[in-house]
Amino acid sequence: MVASESRPKISVTVPTYNRAETFRRTLAHLADQELDATEYEVVIVDDGSSDDTRAVVERWMERAPCRVQYIHQSNHGPGYAYNRAFEAAKAPVVLLIADDIFLSPQALKEHVEMHRLHPQEEVAVFGRTEISPELQSFFLRKFDRIRCSDFDGCKELPWYQFWGCNISAKRDFVLRYGGMPEEVGIGGAIAHQDRVLGHRLMRGGLRILYSPAALAFHHHDMTFDQMCRFQYRQGESFNQTRAWVSEPELAVACHFWDISTVWDHLRVWFGPRRNLVPPGDRNPVLLLGRYLLRGLAFNALTVNLLWTPLAKRAERSPAIAGLMHPRFYRGIIAYHTYRGYREGRTWTRVPAGQPKRA
């Protein structure tokens, strides 16, 4: 571990929970950075892991090229864990990553350079994040939750793209606006805490610059069934997110359509915030047509009798896999997300300090 007491330029904040084997590789990528080791630190918050995460971290700390802070706490959830990492960070810039994010060698160097060029406190930098090429599942290679390809040609992103997978911001700016929410609802730990933080920072003039060069890979190895359950819980949690976030563009950009979001859509389509959603979402006729087609193609009947069997067979049959377009997977997953949203309308708050992970 680096003994220098000079202040680092960037602090990598990474909560982890029961992903020891994947986290081992995350740490290996953090050690293999082009940025000088004296210029960054890694702040790890172990959120009450019951596997051998502590041993993995302690072994890595013995040979880590950079300075490391390791914080172990009882299980509180990701929002609480990130906030403890922000408070412990020594650098003026904090980078938020998950414990399954593999940073490319130039990623930290690019984040630091972007903040050097843009020292304004409200500037954040989102690095391109792609699906890990090492994942074996055909489904995971086709279905991309973050879809950074949609950002090609973009220089700046709206506040709701504040994803805690590969984004950096000024530490004092984040703390000034309260950090992430620490309570969650019926969706468990998955409560869009990073987007809520983006909303809080928006009040201070947040600008998110997009950097394809600050590349990272998302190595979230899940089965098809696990992803369906994961996205169902995302939908449940979206109800709570809307209780925290009043801006209408969030529901429109996330394509949540029901009687409760009609007013959000009208405010976006015919108001001053229409430029905050993608061009394809600004036309009410086109977007309503897409909602109609989605409902006809991906509903309880078609998803259970057609699409799910096809998706599962595609993992074993190259012929079926050749027929599966990414839009098919997005439609299936969207169905489960919106089902969680509809069935999770009544959510209850979990007091801060109580365990939030299954």
Protein backbone atom coordinates (compact mmCIF):
# COMPACT_ATOMS: atom_id res chain seq x y z
CA MET A 1 0.00 0.00 0.00
CA VAL A 2 1.22 3.51 -0.85
CA ALA A 3 2.67 5.30 2.17
CA SER A 4 2.54 8.83 0.73
CA GLU A 5 0.39 11.30 2.67
CA SER A 6 -0.23 13.57 -0.33
CA ARG A 7 -3.89 14.13 -1.09
CA PRO A 8 -5.21 11.87 -3.87
CA LYS A 9 -6.97 13.38 -6.86
CA ILE A 10 -9.83 10.88 -6.95
CA SER A 11 -11.43 8.52 -4.43
CA VAL A 12 -13.07 5.38 -5.82
CA THR A 13 -16.09 4.66 -3.59
CA VAL A 14 -17.38 1.11 -3.83
CA PRO A 15 -19.89 -0.55 -1.49
CA THR A 16 -19.94 -4.35 -1.63
CA TYR A 17 -22.19 -7.08 -0.33
CA ASN A 18 -21.69 -10.85 -0.65
CA ARG A 19 -19.91 -10.82 -4.02
CA ALA A 20 -16.48 -11.90 -2.91
CA GLU A 21 -15.44 -13.71 -6.08
CA THR A 22 -16.60 -10.98 -8.45
CA PHE A 23 -15.25 -8.27 -6.13
CA ARG A 24 -11.84 -9.94 -6.20
CA ARG A 25 -11.71 -9.17 -9.92
CA THR A 26 -13.10 -5.66 -9.44
CA LEU A 27 -10.19 -4.95 -7.10
CA ALA A 28 -7.70 -6.43 -9.58
CA HIS A 29 -8.91 -3.94 -12.21
CA LEU A 30 -8.60 -1.11 -9.70
CA ALA A 31 -4.96 -2.07 -9.18
CA ASP A 32 -4.28 -2.11 -12.92
CA GLN A 33 -4.76 1.59 -13.63
CA GLU A 34 -2.65 3.93 -15.76
CA LEU A 35 -3.17 6.73 -13.23
CA ASP A 36 -0.25 7.07 -10.83
CA ALA A 37 -1.02 5.10 -7.66
CA THR A 38 -0.35 8.16 -5.47
CA GLU A 39 -3.18 10.01 -7.20
CA TYR A 40 -6.07 7.76 -6.26
CA GLU A 41 -7.47 5.87 -3.31
CA VAL A 42 -10.11 3.16 -2.98
CA VAL A 43 -12.76 3.46 -0.27
CA ILE A 44 -14.47 0.11 0.28
CA VAL A 45 -17.61 -0.19 2.40
CA ASP A 46 -18.39 -3.80 3.22
CA ASP A 47 -22.12 -3.69 3.93
CA GLY A 48 -22.28 -6.64 6.29
CA SER A 49 -21.16 -9.37 3.89
CA SER A 50 -21.48 -12.93 5.23
CA ASP A 51 -19.13 -14.51 2.66
CA ASP A 52 -15.33 -14.12 2.60
CA THR A 53 -15.36 -10.52 1.33
CA ARG A 54 -13.31 -9.33 4.30
CA ALA A 55 -10.55 -11.86 3.58
CA VAL A 56 -10.55 -10.93 -0.11
CA VAL A 57 -10.16 -7.25 0.71
CA GLU A 58 -7.51 -7.76 3.37
CA ARG A 59 -5.39 -9.91 1.04
CA TRP A 60 -5.70 -7.31 -1.71
CA MET A 61 -4.78 -4.45 0.64
CA GLU A 62 -1.44 -6.12 1.33
CA ARG A 63 -0.35 -5.61 -2.28
CA ALA A 64 -2.59 -2.78 -3.49
CA PRO A 65 -0.56 -0.08 -5.27
CA CYS A 66 -2.81 2.74 -4.01
CA ARG A 67 -4.02 3.76 -0.59
CA VAL A 68 -7.11 1.87 0.62
CA GLN A 69 -9.75 2.52 3.24
CA TYR A 70 -11.80 -0.48 4.32
CA ILE A 71 -14.98 0.12 6.30
CA HIS A 72 -17.01 -2.80 7.61
CA GLN A 73 -20.54 -2.16 8.85
CA SER A 74 -23.73 -4.04 9.58
CA ASN A 75 -26.11 -4.32 6.64
CA HIS A 76 -27.69 -0.93 5.93
CA GLY A 77 -28.12 -0.86 2.17
CA PRO A 78 -26.29 0.87 -0.70
CA GLY A 79 -27.42 4.44 -0.03
CA TYR A 80 -26.08 4.37 3.52
CA ALA A 81 -22.89 2.64 2.38
CA TYR A 82 -22.18 5.18 -0.37
CA ASN A 83 -22.71 8.07 2.05
CA ARG A 84 -20.19 6.61 4.50
CA ALA A 85 -17.72 6.27 1.63
CA PHE A 86 -18.27 9.89 0.54
CA GLU A 87 -17.61 11.07 4.08
CA ALA A 88 -14.41 9.01 4.37
CA ALA A 89 -13.06 10.00 0.95
CA LYS A 90 -9.92 12.16 0.99
CA ALA A 91 -9.95 13.33 -2.64
CA PRO A 92 -11.87 16.32 -4.06
CA VAL A 93 -13.49 14.01 -6.63
CA VAL A 94 -15.37 10.79 -5.83
CA LEU A 95 -16.00 8.04 -8.35
CA LEU A 96 -19.04 5.85 -7.76
CA ILE A 97 -18.77 2.27 -8.95
CA ALA A 98 -20.54 -0.96 -8.04
CA ASP A 99 -18.76 -4.07 -6.82
CA ASP A 100 -19.24 -5.73 -10.20
CA ILE A 101 -17.71 -2.95 -12.32
CA PHE A 102 -14.40 -3.70 -14.04
CA LEU A 103 -12.66 -0.42 -14.87
CA SER A 104 -10.52 -0.30 -17.99
CA PRO A 105 -6.86 0.70 -17.37
CA GLN A 106 -7.38 4.27 -18.58
CA ALA A 107 -10.68 4.89 -16.75
CA LEU A 108 -9.39 6.68 -13.64
CA LYS A 109 -6.93 8.74 -15.65
CA GLU A 110 -9.76 9.88 -17.91
CA HIS A 111 -12.03 10.83 -14.99
CA VAL A 112 -9.24 12.89 -13.42
CA GLU A 113 -8.46 14.62 -16.71
CA MET A 114 -12.11 15.47 -17.36
CA HIS A 115 -12.40 17.11 -13.94
CA ARG A 116 -9.14 18.99 -14.51
CA LEU A 117 -10.60 20.41 -17.71
CA HIS A 118 -13.95 21.10 -16.02
CA PRO A 119 -13.23 22.20 -12.43
CA GLN A 120 -16.70 23.67 -11.85
CA GLU A 121 -18.25 22.04 -8.79
CA GLU A 122 -21.47 21.09 -10.57
CA VAL A 123 -19.74 19.03 -13.28
CA ALA A 124 -19.95 15.24 -13.06
CA VAL A 125 -18.48 12.72 -15.51
CA PHE A 126 -20.23 9.56 -16.62
CA GLY A 127 -17.95 6.96 -18.17
CA ARG A 128 -19.15 4.59 -20.85
CA THR A 129 -20.19 1.28 -19.30
CA GLU A 130 -20.64 -1.84 -21.40
CA ILE A 131 -21.67 -5.39 -20.69
CA SER A 132 -18.67 -7.51 -19.71
CA PRO A 133 -17.56 -9.57 -22.73
CA GLU A 134 -16.68 -12.38 -20.32
CA LEU A 135 -20.32 -13.10 -19.47
CA GLN A 136 -21.38 -16.40 -21.02
CA SER A 137 -25.15 -15.88 -21.09
CA PHE A 138 -26.55 -15.05 -24.52
CA PHE A 139 -29.36 -13.18 -22.81
CA LEU A 140 -26.99 -10.91 -20.86
CA ARG A 141 -24.98 -10.13 -23.98
CA LYS A 142 -28.16 -9.09 -25.79
CA PHE A 143 -29.90 -7.29 -22.93
CA ASP A 144 -28.03 -4.17 -21.84
CA ARG A 145 -29.56 -2.38 -18.84
CA ILE A 146 -27.51 0.79 -19.22
CA ARG A 147 -27.47 0.98 -23.03
CA CYS A 148 -24.65 3.48 -23.41
CA SER A 149 -24.98 3.03 -27.18
CA ASP A 150 -27.92 5.44 -26.85
CA PHE A 151 -25.43 8.10 -25.76
CA ASP A 152 -23.29 7.92 -28.91
CA GLY A 153 -22.70 11.47 -30.09
CA CYS A 154 -23.82 12.98 -26.76
CA LYS A 155 -21.56 15.30 -24.82
CA GLU A 156 -23.91 15.93 -21.92
CA LEU A 157 -26.57 13.77 -20.25
CA PRO A 158 -29.70 14.69 -18.26
CA TRP A 159 -29.73 14.43 -14.47
CA TYR A 160 -31.64 11.12 -14.37
CA GLN A 161 -28.68 9.39 -16.04
CA PHE A 162 -26.75 9.69 -12.79
CA TRP A 163 -25.96 5.97 -12.61
CA GLY A 164 -23.79 4.82 -9.73
CA CYS A 165 -21.84 2.39 -11.88
CA ASN A 166 -19.12 4.63 -13.34
CA ILE A 167 -19.77 8.28 -12.52
CA SER A 168 -17.57 10.85 -10.78
CA ALA A 169 -18.49 14.10 -9.07
CA LYS A 170 -17.01 16.67 -6.71
CA ARG A 171 -17.13 15.30 -3.17
CA ASP A 172 -18.13 18.56 -1.46
CA PHE A 173 -20.90 19.15 -4.00
CA VAL A 174 -22.34 15.68 -3.31
CA LEU A 175 -22.20 16.13 0.46
CA ARG A 176 -23.70 19.60 0.30
CA TYR A 177 -26.89 18.20 -1.18
CA GLY A 178 -27.19 15.33 1.26
CA GLY A 179 -25.75 12.37 -0.62
CA MET A 180 -27.98 9.40 -1.36
CA PRO A 181 -31.23 8.55 0.43
CA GLU A 182 -30.63 5.90 3.06
CA GLU A 183 -34.13 4.44 3.34
CA VAL A 184 -35.80 2.12 0.85
CA GLY A 185 -39.25 0.71 0.25
CA ILE A 186 -40.81 -2.59 -0.70
CA GLY A 187 -38.34 -3.11 -3.55
CA GLY A 188 -35.58 -3.79 -1.05
CA ALA A 189 -32.14 -2.36 -1.66
CA ILE A 190 -33.01 -1.55 -5.27
CA ALA A 191 -34.53 1.89 -4.88
CA HIS A 192 -32.88 4.09 -7.54
CA GLN A 193 -30.77 5.84 -4.89
CA ASP A 194 -28.30 7.06 -7.52
CA ARG A 195 -31.01 8.73 -9.58
CA VAL A 196 -32.41 10.41 -6.48
CA LEU A 197 -28.91 11.74 -5.79
CA GLY A 198 -28.82 13.05 -9.36
CA HIS A 199 -32.11 14.82 -8.70
CA ARG A 200 -30.74 16.40 -5.53
CA LEU A 201 -27.63 17.58 -7.36
CA MET A 202 -29.78 18.99 -10.16
CA ARG A 203 -30.93 21.64 -7.70
CA GLY A 204 -27.33 22.83 -7.58
CA GLY A 205 -27.02 22.96 -11.36
CA LEU A 206 -25.66 19.44 -11.99
CA ARG A 207 -24.12 18.86 -15.42
CA ILE A 208 -23.21 15.31 -16.45
CA LEU A 209 -20.53 15.14 -19.13
CA TYR A 210 -20.23 11.89 -21.04
CA SER A 211 -16.81 10.30 -21.54
CA PRO A 212 -16.57 7.22 -23.77
CA ALA A 213 -12.86 6.97 -22.90
CA ALA A 214 -13.58 6.38 -19.19
CA LEU A 215 -14.65 2.87 -20.10
CA ALA A 216 -15.86 0.20 -17.68
CA PHE A 217 -17.47 -3.21 -17.98
CA HIS A 218 -20.49 -4.40 -16.00
CA HIS A 219 -19.97 -7.99 -14.86
CA HIS A 220 -23.37 -8.64 -13.29
CA ASP A 221 -23.78 -12.37 -13.89
CA MET A 222 -27.48 -13.18 -13.58
CA THR A 223 -29.78 -15.80 -15.03
CA PHE A 224 -32.78 -14.82 -17.07
CA ASP A 225 -35.13 -15.57 -14.15
CA GLN A 226 -32.95 -13.59 -11.74
CA MET A 227 -33.02 -10.57 -14.04
CA CYS A 228 -36.81 -10.75 -14.30
CA ARG A 229 -37.09 -10.72 -10.50
CA PHE A 230 -34.48 -7.96 -10.26
CA GLN A 231 -36.38 -5.74 -12.66
CA TYR A 232 -39.68 -6.49 -10.93
CA ARG A 233 -38.15 -5.06 -7.75
CA GLN A 234 -36.87 -2.08 -9.73
CA GLY A 235 -40.45 -1.42 -10.76
CA GLU A 236 -41.67 -1.68 -7.18
CA SER A 237 -39.06 0.83 -6.06
CA PHE A 238 -39.93 3.29 -8.82
CA ASN A 239 -43.07 4.22 -6.90
CA GLN A 240 -40.95 5.47 -4.04
CA THR A 241 -38.60 7.27 -6.41
CA ARG A 242 -41.53 9.23 -7.83
CA ALA A 243 -42.48 10.22 -4.28
CA TRP A 244 -39.02 11.79 -3.93
CA VAL A 245 -38.69 13.17 -7.46
CA SER A 246 -41.34 15.57 -8.72
CA GLU A 247 -39.85 16.31 -12.15
CA PRO A 248 -42.04 14.75 -14.87
CA GLU A 249 -39.27 13.75 -17.28
CA LEU A 250 -38.28 10.75 -15.14
CA ALA A 251 -41.50 8.81 -15.79
CA VAL A 252 -41.40 9.70 -19.48
CA ALA A 253 -37.75 8.77 -20.01
CA CYS A 254 -38.29 5.48 -18.14
CA HIS A 255 -41.48 4.82 -20.15
CA PHE A 256 -43.86 4.33 -17.24
CA TRP A 257 -47.33 4.88 -18.64
CA ASP A 258 -50.57 4.68 -16.65
CA ILE A 259 -53.21 7.04 -15.33
CA SER A 260 -50.82 8.38 -12.67
CA THR A 261 -48.18 9.41 -15.23
CA VAL A 262 -50.47 11.02 -17.83
CA TRP A 263 -49.90 14.45 -16.31
CA ASP A 264 -46.14 13.87 -16.31
CA HIS A 265 -46.25 13.11 -20.03
CA LEU A 266 -48.38 16.17 -20.80
CA ARG A 267 -46.02 18.42 -18.85
CA VAL A 268 -43.06 17.09 -20.79
CA TRP A 269 -44.66 17.07 -24.24
CA PHE A 270 -46.06 20.59 -23.96
CA GLY A 271 -43.76 22.21 -21.42
CA PRO A 272 -40.22 23.58 -21.08
CA ARG A 273 -38.71 20.24 -19.97
CA ARG A 274 -39.29 18.37 -23.21
CA ASN A 275 -35.63 18.73 -24.19
CA LEU A 276 -34.66 16.63 -21.17
CA VAL A 277 -36.03 13.46 -22.74
CA PRO A 278 -34.73 11.70 -25.88
CA PRO A 279 -36.06 13.02 -29.21
CA GLY A 280 -38.16 9.88 -29.74
CA ASP A 281 -40.06 10.53 -26.52
CA ARG A 282 -41.02 14.13 -27.36
CA ASN A 283 -43.66 13.21 -29.95
CA PRO A 284 -46.89 12.13 -28.20
CA VAL A 285 -48.24 10.24 -31.21
CA LEU A 286 -45.08 8.20 -31.67
CA LEU A 287 -44.60 7.48 -27.98
CA LEU A 288 -48.23 6.49 -27.41
CA GLY A 289 -47.98 4.23 -30.43
CA ARG A 290 -44.94 2.55 -28.90
CA TYR A 291 -46.77 2.08 -25.62
CA LEU A 292 -49.67 0.45 -27.49
CA LEU A 293 -47.39 -1.90 -29.42
CA ARG A 294 -45.51 -2.80 -26.24
CA GLY A 295 -48.74 -3.71 -24.49
CA LEU A 296 -49.93 -5.83 -27.41
CA ALA A 297 -46.62 -7.66 -27.87
CA PHE A 298 -45.53 -8.06 -24.25
CA ASN A 299 -48.30 -8.83 -21.81
CA ALA A 300 -49.07 -11.56 -19.28
CA LEU A 301 -50.23 -13.95 -21.99
CA THR A 302 -47.47 -13.46 -24.56
CA VAL A 303 -44.61 -13.16 -22.07
CA ASN A 304 -45.54 -16.34 -20.20
CA LEU A 305 -46.55 -18.48 -23.18
CA LEU A 306 -44.23 -17.22 -25.93
CA TRP A 307 -41.39 -14.92 -25.03
CA THR A 308 -40.13 -16.54 -21.82
CA PRO A 309 -39.93 -20.05 -23.33
CA LEU A 310 -38.12 -18.62 -26.37
CA ALA A 311 -35.65 -16.70 -24.20
CA LYS A 312 -34.81 -19.79 -22.17
CA ARG A 313 -34.42 -22.00 -25.23
CA ALA A 314 -32.11 -19.42 -26.82
CA GLU A 315 -29.53 -20.19 -24.14
CA ARG A 316 -29.34 -23.78 -25.45
CA SER A 317 -30.21 -23.44 -29.13
CA PRO A 318 -28.10 -21.38 -31.56
CA ALA A 319 -30.98 -21.47 -34.03
CA ILE A 320 -33.39 -19.85 -31.56
CA ALA A 321 -30.69 -17.47 -30.38
CA GLY A 322 -30.29 -16.22 -33.93
CA LEU A 323 -33.94 -15.17 -33.94
CA MET A 324 -33.82 -13.24 -30.65
CA HIS A 325 -33.42 -9.51 -31.17
CA PRO A 326 -32.36 -7.25 -28.25
CA ARG A 327 -35.79 -5.56 -28.47
CA PHE A 328 -37.42 -8.88 -27.59
CA TYR A 329 -35.42 -9.11 -24.38
CA ARG A 330 -36.09 -5.47 -23.55
CA GLY A 331 -39.81 -6.09 -24.02
CA ILE A 332 -39.81 -9.09 -21.70
CA ILE A 333 -37.83 -7.28 -19.00
CA ALA A 334 -39.97 -4.15 -19.38
CA TYR A 335 -43.08 -6.25 -18.76
CA HIS A 336 -41.68 -7.44 -15.41
CA THR A 337 -40.54 -3.92 -14.50
CA TYR A 338 -43.96 -2.40 -15.15
CA ARG A 339 -45.70 -5.29 -13.40
CA GLY A 340 -43.61 -4.52 -10.31
CA TYR A 341 -44.55 -0.86 -10.67
CA ARG A 342 -48.27 -1.60 -10.85
CA GLU A 343 -48.24 -4.08 -7.99
CA GLY A 344 -46.00 -1.93 -5.79
CA ARG A 345 -48.08 1.24 -5.74
CA THR A 346 -48.43 1.06 -1.98
CA TRP A 347 -44.96 1.09 -0.50
CA THR A 348 -43.76 1.44 3.06
CA ARG A 349 -40.66 3.20 4.25
CA VAL A 350 -37.92 1.25 6.00
CA PRO A 351 -36.26 3.35 8.73
CA ALA A 352 -32.58 4.13 8.14
CA GLY A 353 -30.37 1.71 10.01
CA GLN A 354 -32.44 -1.41 9.38
CA PRO A 355 -31.15 -4.18 7.07
CA LYS A 356 -32.30 -3.73 3.50
CA ARG A 357 -30.82 -6.61 1.55
CA ALA A 358 -32.21 -10.06 1.09
